[in-house]
Amino acid sequence: MPKKSGITEKHFTTLSDVAGSLSTLNVYGRLVRNSDILPSTSGILHPAGTDEPLQLAQVVGYQDQGRCIRLDEPQVVAMPAPDGPADGCVWDPAQYVVWRHLPKNWVTVHMQIRSHGLHSILKSSAAKGGGDRQLSAGQAVQIITDCIPLAGGNNNPIELSNVLQSYGLDKDGVVTFAGFVIGSSDVGVLHYGFQLASDALSWLTVATKLIDVAKTIQDKAVPV
């Protein structure tokens, strides 16, 4: 095609570059000093498929299909070696670098940096691992399923809308059932690392629905 006046090589691109821009990003940011990460030990792959070190970077923006996007809050991400100083999206090349043509689906490490007091971090972690734990609904149903036959009941399929009597439990059977739920380390709440107060199920009768039993087990059981 003849070139018209003023048209230079810089005004042209290639089909491969056009196709590549649909599945890749140009990323802009700053490098975090002394933060090398080896792909072989981090569980992530270098985008080029090599074992070259990655390093943490503070990403401030990216370019997607020619559109420049600035992040509201910079993100810390493991990145390969940059391709050079920033050359687009008005980022200052004296301060920022660019990573060109990174695959959009490349899986990397994203770190969220927050400043918290040591005590608050440890206290929060302890709470999540302890008092905030709860038996799952499935575990509660499994406990009921296992304890009913041991208390003299039948093996009919568990329907939470049914009452204890429909599984063949009489008054004494209900007491025995409660004893297994509370005290058995093989099939009761203890089996899952939880405990119930000795009187937690003292209100049960033959007319109690299984859904109410399950809810009580979930709500009242606490980690051992």
Protein backbone atom coordinates (compact mmCIF):
# COMPACT_ATOMS: atom_id res chain seq x y z
CA MET A 1 0.00 0.00 0.00
CA PRO A 2 1.48 3.38 -0.96
CA LYS A 3 2.26 5.60 2.00
CA LYS A 4 0.56 8.97 2.05
CA SER A 5 2.37 12.08 3.12
CA GLY A 6 3.20 12.09 6.84
CA ILE A 7 2.66 8.35 7.37
CA THR A 8 5.73 6.61 8.82
CA GLU A 9 6.60 3.13 10.04
CA LYS A 10 5.58 4.16 13.58
CA HIS A 11 1.97 4.41 12.42
CA PHE A 12 1.85 0.70 11.52
CA THR A 13 1.42 -2.42 13.63
CA THR A 14 1.32 -6.15 12.86
CA LEU A 15 -1.48 -8.70 12.94
CA SER A 16 0.36 -10.65 15.67
CA ASP A 17 0.54 -7.53 17.84
CA VAL A 18 -3.15 -6.86 17.30
CA ALA A 19 -4.09 -10.45 18.19
CA GLY A 20 -1.74 -10.45 21.19
CA SER A 21 -3.25 -7.28 22.65
CA LEU A 22 -6.56 -9.08 23.13
CA SER A 23 -5.07 -11.63 25.55
CA THR A 24 -2.23 -9.69 27.17
CA LEU A 25 -1.69 -6.63 29.36
CA ASN A 26 0.99 -4.02 29.72
CA VAL A 27 1.51 -3.43 33.43
CA TYR A 28 3.12 -0.45 35.15
CA GLY A 29 4.64 -0.17 38.60
CA ARG A 30 7.70 -0.04 40.80
CA LEU A 31 10.00 -2.82 42.00
CA VAL A 32 10.20 -3.87 45.64
CA ARG A 33 13.87 -4.10 46.61
CA ASN A 34 15.32 -7.49 47.71
CA SER A 35 12.13 -9.48 47.12
CA ASP A 36 13.15 -12.24 44.71
CA ILE A 37 10.83 -15.27 44.49
CA LEU A 38 11.85 -18.49 42.75
CA PRO A 39 9.01 -20.05 40.72
CA SER A 40 10.26 -23.54 41.57
CA THR A 41 9.75 -22.94 45.30
CA SER A 42 6.70 -20.67 45.20
CA GLY A 43 4.35 -22.96 43.29
CA ILE A 44 3.77 -20.46 40.48
CA LEU A 45 5.10 -20.43 36.93
CA HIS A 46 7.11 -17.73 35.23
CA PRO A 47 4.96 -16.28 32.40
CA ALA A 48 7.71 -17.23 29.93
CA GLY A 49 7.88 -20.80 31.27
CA THR A 50 11.41 -20.39 32.62
CA ASP A 51 12.77 -20.70 36.16
CA GLU A 52 14.00 -17.11 36.26
CA PRO A 53 13.31 -15.36 39.57
CA LEU A 54 10.18 -13.30 40.05
CA GLN A 55 10.15 -10.32 42.36
CA LEU A 56 7.53 -8.35 44.20
CA ALA A 57 6.34 -5.18 42.54
CA GLN A 58 3.96 -2.40 43.43
CA VAL A 59 1.58 -2.30 40.46
CA VAL A 60 -0.06 1.08 39.90
CA GLY A 61 -1.85 0.58 36.59
CA TYR A 62 -2.15 -1.34 33.35
CA GLN A 63 -3.01 -0.98 29.70
CA ASP A 64 -5.71 -3.20 28.22
CA GLN A 65 -6.34 -3.03 24.45
CA GLY A 66 -4.97 0.49 24.33
CA ARG A 67 -6.94 1.76 27.32
CA CYS A 68 -4.90 3.01 30.28
CA ILE A 69 -6.31 2.08 33.69
CA ARG A 70 -4.99 3.53 36.95
CA LEU A 71 -5.55 1.46 40.11
CA ASP A 72 -7.31 3.25 42.97
CA GLU A 73 -4.94 1.45 45.34
CA PRO A 74 -1.55 0.02 44.25
CA GLN A 75 -1.30 -3.77 44.52
CA VAL A 76 1.73 -5.86 45.49
CA VAL A 77 2.19 -8.67 42.96
CA ALA A 78 4.96 -11.12 42.09
CA MET A 79 6.21 -10.15 38.62
CA PRO A 80 8.95 -11.19 36.19
CA ALA A 81 11.83 -8.87 35.29
CA PRO A 82 10.46 -5.65 33.77
CA ASP A 83 10.95 -4.81 30.11
CA GLY A 84 12.32 -1.37 30.89
CA PRO A 85 11.26 2.09 32.03
CA ALA A 86 7.60 2.96 31.60
CA ASP A 87 6.85 4.03 28.04
CA GLY A 88 3.13 4.71 28.06
CA CYS A 89 0.03 5.76 29.94
CA VAL A 90 1.85 8.93 31.10
CA TRP A 91 3.76 7.04 33.77
CA ASP A 92 7.08 8.76 34.58
CA PRO A 93 9.86 6.54 33.17
CA ALA A 94 12.20 7.91 35.84
CA GLN A 95 10.05 6.27 38.54
CA TYR A 96 8.07 3.45 36.94
CA VAL A 97 8.77 0.37 34.82
CA VAL A 98 6.68 -1.57 32.33
CA TRP A 99 5.97 -5.27 31.86
CA ARG A 100 4.80 -5.79 28.31
CA HIS A 101 2.45 -8.45 26.94
CA LEU A 102 1.79 -10.38 30.16
CA PRO A 103 -0.90 -13.06 29.64
CA LYS A 104 -4.18 -12.06 31.25
CA ASN A 105 -4.65 -15.57 32.64
CA TRP A 106 -1.16 -15.85 34.15
CA VAL A 107 -1.49 -17.02 37.77
CA THR A 108 0.78 -15.15 40.17
CA VAL A 109 1.01 -14.19 43.86
CA HIS A 110 -0.98 -11.22 45.15
CA MET A 111 -0.15 -9.81 48.58
CA GLN A 112 -2.31 -7.44 50.55
CA ILE A 113 -0.16 -5.24 52.76
CA ARG A 114 -1.82 -3.91 55.89
CA SER A 115 -0.38 -2.47 59.09
CA HIS A 116 -1.83 -3.99 62.27
CA GLY A 117 -0.68 -4.32 65.84
CA LEU A 118 0.87 -7.69 66.64
CA HIS A 119 -1.60 -8.44 69.42
CA SER A 120 -4.65 -7.70 67.27
CA ILE A 121 -3.33 -9.98 64.50
CA LEU A 122 -2.71 -12.89 66.87
CA LYS A 123 -5.94 -12.38 68.77
CA SER A 124 -7.96 -12.36 65.55
CA SER A 125 -6.26 -15.53 64.34
CA ALA A 126 -6.90 -17.28 67.66
CA ALA A 127 -10.57 -16.35 67.52
CA LYS A 128 -10.97 -17.78 64.05
CA GLY A 129 -9.32 -21.01 65.08
CA GLY A 130 -11.17 -21.39 68.35
CA GLY A 131 -14.41 -19.94 69.64
CA ASP A 132 -15.74 -18.92 66.25
CA ARG A 133 -15.71 -22.49 64.94
CA GLN A 134 -19.04 -24.24 64.58
CA LEU A 135 -20.18 -27.70 63.69
CA SER A 136 -21.42 -27.80 60.12
CA ALA A 137 -25.01 -28.68 59.28
CA GLY A 138 -23.75 -31.88 57.66
CA GLN A 139 -21.87 -32.90 60.79
CA ALA A 140 -24.94 -32.29 62.95
CA VAL A 141 -27.06 -34.50 60.68
CA GLN A 142 -24.38 -37.19 60.67
CA ILE A 143 -24.33 -37.22 64.47
CA ILE A 144 -28.10 -37.71 64.53
CA THR A 145 -27.87 -40.43 61.87
CA ASP A 146 -25.24 -42.35 63.84
CA CYS A 147 -26.77 -41.97 67.29
CA ILE A 148 -30.39 -42.93 66.60
CA PRO A 149 -29.67 -46.63 65.86
CA LEU A 150 -27.29 -46.87 68.82
CA ALA A 151 -30.12 -45.64 71.05
CA GLY A 152 -32.42 -48.41 69.81
CA GLY A 153 -33.98 -46.61 66.88
CA ASN A 154 -34.31 -47.76 63.28
CA ASN A 155 -32.18 -47.00 60.24
CA ASN A 156 -34.82 -45.20 58.21
CA PRO A 157 -33.50 -42.36 56.01
CA ILE A 158 -33.10 -39.16 57.99
CA GLU A 159 -35.73 -36.52 57.28
CA LEU A 160 -35.26 -33.40 59.42
CA SER A 161 -38.99 -32.71 59.40
CA ASN A 162 -39.65 -36.04 61.20
CA VAL A 163 -39.85 -36.44 64.97
CA LEU A 164 -37.70 -38.75 67.08
CA GLN A 165 -40.61 -41.12 67.71
CA SER A 166 -40.86 -41.85 63.97
CA TYR A 167 -37.47 -43.57 64.25
CA GLY A 168 -38.69 -45.92 66.99
CA LEU A 169 -37.38 -44.00 70.00
CA ASP A 170 -39.49 -44.03 73.15
CA LYS A 171 -38.94 -41.85 76.21
CA ASP A 172 -35.99 -43.90 77.44
CA GLY A 173 -34.59 -44.12 73.91
CA VAL A 174 -34.59 -40.33 73.65
CA VAL A 175 -32.52 -40.09 76.85
CA THR A 176 -30.09 -42.69 75.54
CA PHE A 177 -29.90 -40.85 72.22
CA ALA A 178 -29.01 -37.59 73.99
CA GLY A 179 -26.33 -39.43 75.95
CA PHE A 180 -24.64 -40.66 72.76
CA VAL A 181 -24.80 -37.20 71.14
CA ILE A 182 -23.17 -35.57 74.16
CA GLY A 183 -20.85 -38.23 75.49
CA SER A 184 -19.70 -40.52 72.67
CA SER A 185 -16.25 -39.85 71.27
CA ASP A 186 -17.02 -42.21 68.39
CA VAL A 187 -20.27 -40.77 67.01
CA GLY A 188 -21.18 -37.73 69.12
CA VAL A 189 -20.01 -34.13 69.11
CA LEU A 190 -16.75 -35.17 70.78
CA HIS A 191 -15.87 -37.07 67.62
CA TYR A 192 -15.64 -33.72 65.79
CA GLY A 193 -13.72 -31.90 68.52
CA PHE A 194 -16.75 -30.24 70.14
CA GLN A 195 -18.60 -30.59 73.41
CA LEU A 196 -22.10 -29.99 74.74
CA ALA A 197 -23.24 -29.20 78.27
CA SER A 198 -24.63 -32.26 80.05
CA ASP A 199 -28.14 -30.75 80.08
CA ALA A 200 -28.05 -29.30 76.56
CA LEU A 201 -30.54 -31.89 75.27
CA SER A 202 -32.56 -32.46 78.44
CA TRP A 203 -35.59 -30.87 76.79
CA LEU A 204 -35.91 -33.54 74.09
CA THR A 205 -39.13 -35.57 73.86
CA VAL A 206 -40.37 -38.21 71.46
CA ALA A 207 -42.22 -35.41 69.60
CA THR A 208 -39.08 -33.30 68.99
CA LYS A 209 -38.32 -32.72 65.32
CA LEU A 210 -34.87 -33.66 64.07
CA ILE A 211 -34.40 -30.16 62.62
CA ASP A 212 -34.63 -28.75 66.16
CA VAL A 213 -32.14 -31.32 67.42
CA ALA A 214 -29.71 -30.44 64.63
CA LYS A 215 -30.03 -26.70 65.27
CA THR A 216 -29.35 -27.18 68.98
CA ILE A 217 -26.28 -29.30 68.29
CA GLN A 218 -24.94 -26.63 65.94
CA ASP A 219 -25.77 -23.65 68.14
CA LYS A 220 -24.74 -25.09 71.52
CA ALA A 221 -21.68 -27.21 70.69
CA VAL A 222 -18.37 -25.44 71.38
CA PRO A 223 -14.80 -26.48 70.53
CA VAL A 224 -13.14 -28.69 73.13
